Amino acid sequence: MGQRCKACGHRDKFDFRVPDDIWFAVVPVELQDKVVCLACFDDFAAERRVDYATRLSTSLWFAGAAATFEFRVTTAVSAD
């Protein structure tokens, strides 16, 4: 069934990686050792004005019910 985001409760379908300093700057303290989906992570980053686009790992995995896909980050564009 997959893990659920502890911020919104939805199934976490994307596996993404950011360095620890970005994670700790973005994710609220009470959620830092829990599963946070990419959508909530992005919302937290926007609220805190943290640009993580260039710090996202080069691979992003989507785990669906019928298939799994790997996406490659080739260009990151900041939303200023």
PDB file of N, CA and C in Angstrom:
ATOM      1  N   MET A   1       0.810  -1.207   0.000  1.00  0.00           N
ATOM      2  CA  MET A   1       0.000   0.000   0.000  1.00  0.00           C
ATOM      3  C   MET A   1       0.851   1.267   0.000  1.00  0.00           C
ATOM      4  N   GLY A   2       2.072   1.212   0.455  1.00  0.00           N
ATOM      5  CA  GLY A   2       2.920   2.389   0.482  1.00  0.00           C
ATOM      6  C   GLY A   2       2.765   3.184   1.767  1.00  0.00           C
ATOM      7  N   GLN A   3       3.695   4.076   1.970  1.00  0.00           N
ATOM      8  CA  GLN A   3       3.684   4.919   3.163  1.00  0.00           C
ATOM      9  C   GLN A   3       2.740   6.097   2.963  1.00  0.00           C
ATOM     10  N   ARG A   4       2.317   6.662   4.072  1.00  0.00           N
ATOM     11  CA  ARG A   4       1.448   7.841   4.019  1.00  0.00           C
ATOM     12  C   ARG A   4       2.186   9.049   4.590  1.00  0.00           C
ATOM     13  N   CYS A   5       1.973  10.176   3.958  1.00  0.00           N
ATOM     14  CA  CYS A   5       2.555  11.431   4.415  1.00  0.00           C
ATOM     15  C   CYS A   5       1.963  11.777   5.774  1.00  0.00           C
ATOM     16  N   LYS A   6       2.812  12.110   6.718  1.00  0.00           N
ATOM     17  CA  LYS A   6       2.356  12.460   8.063  1.00  0.00           C
ATOM     18  C   LYS A   6       1.855  13.895   8.141  1.00  0.00           C
ATOM     19  N   ALA A   7       2.028  14.675   7.084  1.00  0.00           N
ATOM     20  CA  ALA A   7       1.513  16.044   7.059  1.00  0.00           C
ATOM     21  C   ALA A   7       0.091  16.090   6.493  1.00  0.00           C
ATOM     22  N   CYS A   8      -0.163  15.374   5.389  1.00  0.00           N
ATOM     23  CA  CYS A   8      -1.469  15.452   4.728  1.00  0.00           C
ATOM     24  C   CYS A   8      -2.265  14.152   4.771  1.00  0.00           C
ATOM     25  N   GLY A   9      -1.590  13.031   5.053  1.00  0.00           N
ATOM     26  CA  GLY A   9      -2.274  11.748   5.128  1.00  0.00           C
ATOM     27  C   GLY A   9      -2.401  11.004   3.812  1.00  0.00           C
ATOM     28  N   HIS A  10      -2.012  11.630   2.706  1.00  0.00           N
ATOM     29  CA  HIS A  10      -2.092  10.953   1.414  1.00  0.00           C
ATOM     30  C   HIS A  10      -0.946   9.962   1.236  1.00  0.00           C
ATOM     31  N   ARG A  11      -1.153   8.988   0.372  1.00  0.00           N
ATOM     32  CA  ARG A  11      -0.118   8.012   0.064  1.00  0.00           C
ATOM     33  C   ARG A  11       1.064   8.728  -0.586  1.00  0.00           C
ATOM     34  N   ASP A  12       2.247   8.416  -0.093  1.00  0.00           N
ATOM     35  CA  ASP A  12       3.474   9.012  -0.608  1.00  0.00           C
ATOM     36  C   ASP A  12       3.887   8.235  -1.848  1.00  0.00           C
ATOM     37  N   LYS A  13       3.723   8.836  -3.026  1.00  0.00           N
ATOM     38  CA  LYS A  13       3.995   8.138  -4.282  1.00  0.00           C
ATOM     39  C   LYS A  13       5.356   8.490  -4.881  1.00  0.00           C
ATOM     40  N   PHE A  14       5.988   9.558  -4.381  1.00  0.00           N
ATOM     41  CA  PHE A  14       7.283   9.960  -4.914  1.00  0.00           C
ATOM     42  C   PHE A  14       8.380   9.747  -3.883  1.00  0.00           C
ATOM     43  N   ASP A  15       9.472   9.139  -4.310  1.00  0.00           N
ATOM     44  CA  ASP A  15      10.651   9.007  -3.468  1.00  0.00           C
ATOM     45  C   ASP A  15      11.642  10.050  -3.957  1.00  0.00           C
ATOM     46  N   PHE A  16      11.961  10.988  -3.097  1.00  0.00           N
ATOM     47  CA  PHE A  16      12.874  12.070  -3.467  1.00  0.00           C
ATOM     48  C   PHE A  16      13.908  12.233  -2.368  1.00  0.00           C
ATOM     49  N   ARG A  17      15.008  12.849  -2.722  1.00  0.00           N
ATOM     50  CA  ARG A  17      16.082  13.071  -1.754  1.00  0.00           C
ATOM     51  C   ARG A  17      16.557  14.510  -1.842  1.00  0.00           C
ATOM     52  N   VAL A  18      16.762  15.092  -0.672  1.00  0.00           N
ATOM     53  CA  VAL A  18      17.407  16.400  -0.546  1.00  0.00           C
ATOM     54  C   VAL A  18      18.435  16.269   0.573  1.00  0.00           C
ATOM     55  N   PRO A  19      19.465  17.087   0.573  1.00  0.00           N
ATOM     56  CA  PRO A  19      20.457  17.038   1.652  1.00  0.00           C
ATOM     57  C   PRO A  19      19.803  17.360   3.000  1.00  0.00           C
ATOM     58  N   ASP A  20      20.415  16.864   4.059  1.00  0.00           N
ATOM     59  CA  ASP A  20      19.889  17.054   5.412  1.00  0.00           C
ATOM     60  C   ASP A  20      19.672  18.523   5.755  1.00  0.00           C
ATOM     61  N   ASP A  21      20.591  19.409   5.359  1.00  0.00           N
ATOM     62  CA  ASP A  21      20.427  20.814   5.721  1.00  0.00           C
ATOM     63  C   ASP A  21      19.162  21.410   5.109  1.00  0.00           C
ATOM     64  N   ILE A  22      18.809  20.988   3.906  1.00  0.00           N
ATOM     65  CA  ILE A  22      17.581  21.451   3.263  1.00  0.00           C
ATOM     66  C   ILE A  22      16.362  20.850   3.955  1.00  0.00           C
ATOM     67  N   TRP A  23      16.409  19.540   4.247  1.00  0.00           N
ATOM     68  CA  TRP A  23      15.302  18.870   4.930  1.00  0.00           C
ATOM     69  C   TRP A  23      14.982  19.573   6.255  1.00  0.00           C
ATOM     70  N   PHE A  24      16.011  19.818   7.050  1.00  0.00           N
ATOM     71  CA  PHE A  24      15.802  20.429   8.366  1.00  0.00           C
ATOM     72  C   PHE A  24      15.357  21.890   8.268  1.00  0.00           C
ATOM     73  N   ALA A  25      15.748  22.587   7.209  1.00  0.00           N
ATOM     74  CA  ALA A  25      15.321  23.973   7.011  1.00  0.00           C
ATOM     75  C   ALA A  25      13.867  24.061   6.534  1.00  0.00           C
ATOM     76  N   VAL A  26      13.381  23.013   5.891  1.00  0.00           N
ATOM     77  CA  VAL A  26      12.053  23.031   5.273  1.00  0.00           C
ATOM     78  C   VAL A  26      10.984  22.362   6.132  1.00  0.00           C
ATOM     79  N   VAL A  27      11.262  21.178   6.625  1.00  0.00           N
ATOM     80  CA  VAL A  27      10.244  20.361   7.304  1.00  0.00           C
ATOM     81  C   VAL A  27      10.096  20.796   8.767  1.00  0.00           C
ATOM     82  N   PRO A  28       8.848  20.996   9.228  1.00  0.00           N
ATOM     83  CA  PRO A  28       8.636  21.348  10.635  1.00  0.00           C
ATOM     84  C   PRO A  28       9.263  20.305  11.571  1.00  0.00           C
ATOM     85  N   VAL A  29       9.754  20.764  12.696  1.00  0.00           N
ATOM     86  CA  VAL A  29      10.485  19.914  13.645  1.00  0.00           C
ATOM     87  C   VAL A  29       9.720  18.635  13.974  1.00  0.00           C
ATOM     88  N   GLU A  30       8.417  18.749  14.209  1.00  0.00           N
ATOM     89  CA  GLU A  30       7.630  17.582  14.615  1.00  0.00           C
ATOM     90  C   GLU A  30       7.478  16.534  13.510  1.00  0.00           C
ATOM     91  N   LEU A  31       7.838  16.883  12.270  1.00  0.00           N
ATOM     92  CA  LEU A  31       7.722  15.947  11.146  1.00  0.00           C
ATOM     93  C   LEU A  31       9.080  15.512  10.589  1.00  0.00           C
ATOM     94  N   GLN A  32      10.163  16.023  11.129  1.00  0.00           N
ATOM     95  CA  GLN A  32      11.477  15.785  10.528  1.00  0.00           C
ATOM     96  C   GLN A  32      11.914  14.330  10.504  1.00  0.00           C
ATOM     97  N   ASP A  33      11.387  13.498  11.381  1.00  0.00           N
ATOM     98  CA  ASP A  33      11.760  12.079  11.376  1.00  0.00           C
ATOM     99  C   ASP A  33      10.621  11.207  10.844  1.00  0.00           C
ATOM    100  N   LYS A  34       9.733  11.828  10.064  1.00  0.00           N
ATOM    101  CA  LYS A  34       8.572  11.127   9.530  1.00  0.00           C
ATOM    102  C   LYS A  34       8.521  11.240   8.009  1.00  0.00           C
ATOM    103  N   VAL A  35       7.591  10.512   7.403  1.00  0.00           N
ATOM    104  CA  VAL A  35       7.392  10.568   5.954  1.00  0.00           C
ATOM    105  C   VAL A  35       6.671  11.862   5.602  1.00  0.00           C
ATOM    106  N   VAL A  36       7.233  12.615   4.670  1.00  0.00           N
ATOM    107  CA  VAL A  36       6.607  13.826   4.149  1.00  0.00           C
ATOM    108  C   VAL A  36       6.611  13.702   2.628  1.00  0.00           C
ATOM    109  N   CYS A  37       5.439  13.831   2.012  1.00  0.00           N
ATOM    110  CA  CYS A  37       5.351  13.701   0.559  1.00  0.00           C
ATOM    111  C   CYS A  37       5.976  14.910  -0.134  1.00  0.00           C
ATOM    112  N   LEU A  38       6.258  14.751  -1.407  1.00  0.00           N
ATOM    113  CA  LEU A  38       6.885  15.822  -2.176  1.00  0.00           C
ATOM    114  C   LEU A  38       5.994  17.063  -2.245  1.00  0.00           C
ATOM    115  N   ALA A  39       4.684  16.874  -2.362  1.00  0.00           N
ATOM    116  CA  ALA A  39       3.772  18.025  -2.426  1.00  0.00           C
ATOM    117  C   ALA A  39       3.821  18.835  -1.133  1.00  0.00           C
ATOM    118  N   CYS A  40       3.787  18.161   0.011  1.00  0.00           N
ATOM    119  CA  CYS A  40       3.865  18.874   1.297  1.00  0.00           C
ATOM    120  C   CYS A  40       5.241  19.499   1.488  1.00  0.00           C
ATOM    121  N   PHE A  41       6.293  18.771   1.100  1.00  0.00           N
ATOM    122  CA  PHE A  41       7.643  19.321   1.191  1.00  0.00           C
ATOM    123  C   PHE A  41       7.729  20.613   0.386  1.00  0.00           C
ATOM    124  N   ASP A  42       7.179  20.608  -0.810  1.00  0.00           N
ATOM    125  CA  ASP A  42       7.194  21.786  -1.666  1.00  0.00           C
ATOM    126  C   ASP A  42       6.417  22.939  -1.020  1.00  0.00           C
ATOM    127  N   ASP A  43       5.263  22.633  -0.418  1.00  0.00           N
ATOM    128  CA  ASP A  43       4.484  23.669   0.275  1.00  0.00           C
ATOM    129  C   ASP A  43       5.266  24.260   1.447  1.00  0.00           C
ATOM    130  N   PHE A  44       5.895  23.390   2.245  1.00  0.00           N
ATOM    131  CA  PHE A  44       6.696  23.869   3.373  1.00  0.00           C
ATOM    132  C   PHE A  44       7.843  24.744   2.882  1.00  0.00           C
ATOM    133  N   ALA A  45       8.495  24.327   1.791  1.00  0.00           N
ATOM    134  CA  ALA A  45       9.613  25.102   1.238  1.00  0.00           C
ATOM    135  C   ALA A  45       9.136  26.478   0.782  1.00  0.00           C
ATOM    136  N   ALA A  46       7.979  26.540   0.150  1.00  0.00           N
ATOM    137  CA  ALA A  46       7.437  27.823  -0.307  1.00  0.00           C
ATOM    138  C   ALA A  46       7.118  28.720   0.894  1.00  0.00           C
ATOM    139  N   GLU A  47       6.503  28.142   1.934  1.00  0.00           N
ATOM    140  CA  GLU A  47       6.178  28.914   3.140  1.00  0.00           C
ATOM    141  C   GLU A  47       7.431  29.496   3.782  1.00  0.00           C
ATOM    142  N   ARG A  48       8.522  28.735   3.758  1.00  0.00           N
ATOM    143  CA  ARG A  48       9.761  29.157   4.413  1.00  0.00           C
ATOM    144  C   ARG A  48      10.721  29.856   3.445  1.00  0.00           C
ATOM    145  N   ARG A  49      10.289  29.986   2.200  1.00  0.00           N
ATOM    146  CA  ARG A  49      11.095  30.619   1.148  1.00  0.00           C
ATOM    147  C   ARG A  49      12.464  29.949   0.978  1.00  0.00           C
ATOM    148  N   VAL A  50      12.443  28.622   0.956  1.00  0.00           N
ATOM    149  CA  VAL A  50      13.661  27.842   0.748  1.00  0.00           C
ATOM    150  C   VAL A  50      13.639  27.302  -0.679  1.00  0.00           C
ATOM    151  N   ASP A  51      14.626  27.691  -1.468  1.00  0.00           N
ATOM    152  CA  ASP A  51      14.747  27.210  -2.839  1.00  0.00           C
ATOM    153  C   ASP A  51      15.542  25.907  -2.827  1.00  0.00           C
ATOM    154  N   TYR A  52      14.849  24.807  -3.010  1.00  0.00           N
ATOM    155  CA  TYR A  52      15.496  23.492  -2.975  1.00  0.00           C
ATOM    156  C   TYR A  52      15.697  22.909  -4.371  1.00  0.00           C
ATOM    157  N   ALA A  53      15.243  23.617  -5.400  1.00  0.00           N
ATOM    158  CA  ALA A  53      15.227  23.073  -6.759  1.00  0.00           C
ATOM    159  C   ALA A  53      16.575  22.521  -7.205  1.00  0.00           C
ATOM    160  N   THR A  54      17.630  23.232  -6.943  1.00  0.00           N
ATOM    161  CA  THR A  54      18.946  22.767  -7.390  1.00  0.00           C
ATOM    162  C   THR A  54      19.558  21.737  -6.433  1.00  0.00           C
ATOM    163  N   ARG A  55      18.906  21.482  -5.305  1.00  0.00           N
ATOM    164  CA  ARG A  55      19.445  20.553  -4.311  1.00  0.00           C
ATOM    165  C   ARG A  55      18.728  19.205  -4.316  1.00  0.00           C
ATOM    166  N   LEU A  56      17.681  19.077  -5.149  1.00  0.00           N
ATOM    167  CA  LEU A  56      16.964  17.812  -5.282  1.00  0.00           C
ATOM    168  C   LEU A  56      17.871  16.798  -5.955  1.00  0.00           C
ATOM    169  N   SER A  57      17.820  15.553  -5.486  1.00  0.00           N
ATOM    170  CA  SER A  57      18.670  14.525  -6.099  1.00  0.00           C
ATOM    171  C   SER A  57      18.359  14.407  -7.584  1.00  0.00           C
ATOM    172  N   THR A  58      19.254  13.808  -8.337  1.00  0.00           N
ATOM    173  CA  THR A  58      19.082  13.735  -9.784  1.00  0.00           C
ATOM    174  C   THR A  58      18.044  12.716 -10.217  1.00  0.00           C
ATOM    175  N   SER A  59      17.571  11.872  -9.301  1.00  0.00           N
ATOM    176  CA  SER A  59      16.522  10.912  -9.624  1.00  0.00           C
ATOM    177  C   SER A  59      15.310  11.137  -8.725  1.00  0.00           C
ATOM    178  N   LEU A  60      14.150  11.018  -9.312  1.00  0.00           N
ATOM    179  CA  LEU A  60      12.883  11.119  -8.603  1.00  0.00           C
ATOM    180  C   LEU A  60      12.083   9.886  -8.997  1.00  0.00           C
ATOM    181  N   TRP A  61      11.663   9.105  -8.032  1.00  0.00           N
ATOM    182  CA  TRP A  61      10.947   7.859  -8.295  1.00  0.00           C
ATOM    183  C   TRP A  61       9.468   8.029  -8.014  1.00  0.00           C
ATOM    184  N   PHE A  62       8.619   7.557  -8.930  1.00  0.00           N
ATOM    185  CA  PHE A  62       7.177   7.506  -8.739  1.00  0.00           C
ATOM    186  C   PHE A  62       6.781   6.044  -8.598  1.00  0.00           C
ATOM    187  N   ALA A  63       6.106   5.719  -7.509  1.00  0.00           N
ATOM    188  CA  ALA A  63       5.650   4.348  -7.275  1.00  0.00           C
ATOM    189  C   ALA A  63       4.136   4.320  -7.344  1.00  0.00           C
ATOM    190  N   GLY A  64       3.615   3.921  -8.486  1.00  0.00           N
ATOM    191  CA  GLY A  64       2.178   3.830  -8.666  1.00  0.00           C
ATOM    192  C   GLY A  64       1.681   2.430  -8.331  1.00  0.00           C
ATOM    193  N   ALA A  65       0.402   2.208  -8.494  1.00  0.00           N
ATOM    194  CA  ALA A  65      -0.201   0.902  -8.222  1.00  0.00           C
ATOM    195  C   ALA A  65       0.148  -0.097  -9.321  1.00  0.00           C
ATOM    196  N   ALA A  66       0.321   0.371 -10.548  1.00  0.00           N
ATOM    197  CA  ALA A  66       0.558  -0.525 -11.672  1.00  0.00           C
ATOM    198  C   ALA A  66       1.991  -0.503 -12.190  1.00  0.00           C
ATOM    199  N   ALA A  67       2.744   0.544 -11.868  1.00  0.00           N
ATOM    200  CA  ALA A  67       4.106   0.659 -12.399  1.00  0.00           C
ATOM    201  C   ALA A  67       4.922   1.618 -11.550  1.00  0.00           C
ATOM    202  N   THR A  68       6.229   1.521 -11.707  1.00  0.00           N
ATOM    203  CA  THR A  68       7.161   2.421 -11.052  1.00  0.00           C
ATOM    204  C   THR A  68       7.997   3.094 -12.135  1.00  0.00           C
ATOM    205  N   PHE A  69       8.217   4.395 -11.981  1.00  0.00           N
ATOM    206  CA  PHE A  69       8.976   5.157 -12.964  1.00  0.00           C
ATOM    207  C   PHE A  69      10.084   5.933 -12.281  1.00  0.00           C
ATOM    208  N   GLU A  70      11.203   6.066 -12.991  1.00  0.00           N
ATOM    209  CA  GLU A  70      12.297   6.903 -12.512  1.00  0.00           C
ATOM    210  C   GLU A  70      12.385   8.116 -13.420  1.00  0.00           C
ATOM    211  N   PHE A  71      12.362   9.290 -12.819  1.00  0.00           N
ATOM    212  CA  PHE A  71      12.512  10.533 -13.555  1.00  0.00           C
ATOM    213  C   PHE A  71      13.896  11.100 -13.253  1.00  0.00           C
ATOM    214  N   ARG A  72      14.512  11.704 -14.233  1.00  0.00           N
ATOM    215  CA  ARG A  72      15.820  12.338 -14.062  1.00  0.00           C
ATOM    216  C   ARG A  72      15.663  13.847 -14.057  1.00  0.00           C
ATOM    217  N   VAL A  73      16.235  14.485 -13.065  1.00  0.00           N
ATOM    218  CA  VAL A  73      16.235  15.936 -12.993  1.00  0.00           C
ATOM    219  C   VAL A  73      17.394  16.427 -13.849  1.00  0.00           C
ATOM    220  N   THR A  74      17.077  17.173 -14.895  1.00  0.00           N
ATOM    221  CA  THR A  74      18.137  17.685 -15.762  1.00  0.00           C
ATOM    222  C   THR A  74      18.304  19.188 -15.608  1.00  0.00           C
ATOM    223  N   THR A  75      17.225  19.895 -15.304  1.00  0.00           N
ATOM    224  CA  THR A  75      17.274  21.328 -15.088  1.00  0.00           C
ATOM    225  C   THR A  75      16.305  21.683 -13.974  1.00  0.00           C
ATOM    226  N   ALA A  76      16.763  22.483 -13.073  1.00  0.00           N
ATOM    227  CA  ALA A  76      15.890  22.949 -11.986  1.00  0.00           C
ATOM    228  C   ALA A  76      15.668  24.442 -12.185  1.00  0.00           C
ATOM    229  N   VAL A  77      14.413  24.843 -12.180  1.00  0.00           N
ATOM    230  CA  VAL A  77      14.063  26.248 -12.350  1.00  0.00           C
ATOM    231  C   VAL A  77      13.408  26.724 -11.061  1.00  0.00           C
ATOM    232  N   SER A  78      13.938  27.754 -10.509  1.00  0.00           N
ATOM    233  CA  SER A  78      13.398  28.326  -9.282  1.00  0.00           C
ATOM    234  C   SER A  78      12.163  29.153  -9.602  1.00  0.00           C
ATOM    235  N   ALA A  79      11.183  29.088  -8.709  1.00  0.00           N
ATOM    236  CA  ALA A  79       9.948  29.868  -8.884  1.00  0.00           C
ATOM    237  C   ALA A  79      10.047  31.149  -8.064  1.00  0.00           C
ATOM    238  N   ASP A  80      10.779  32.123  -8.582  1.00  0.00           N
ATOM    239  CA  ASP A  80      10.962  33.405  -7.867  1.00  0.00           C
ATOM    240  C   ASP A  80       9.843  34.342  -8.147  1.00  0.00           C
TER     241      ASP A  80
END
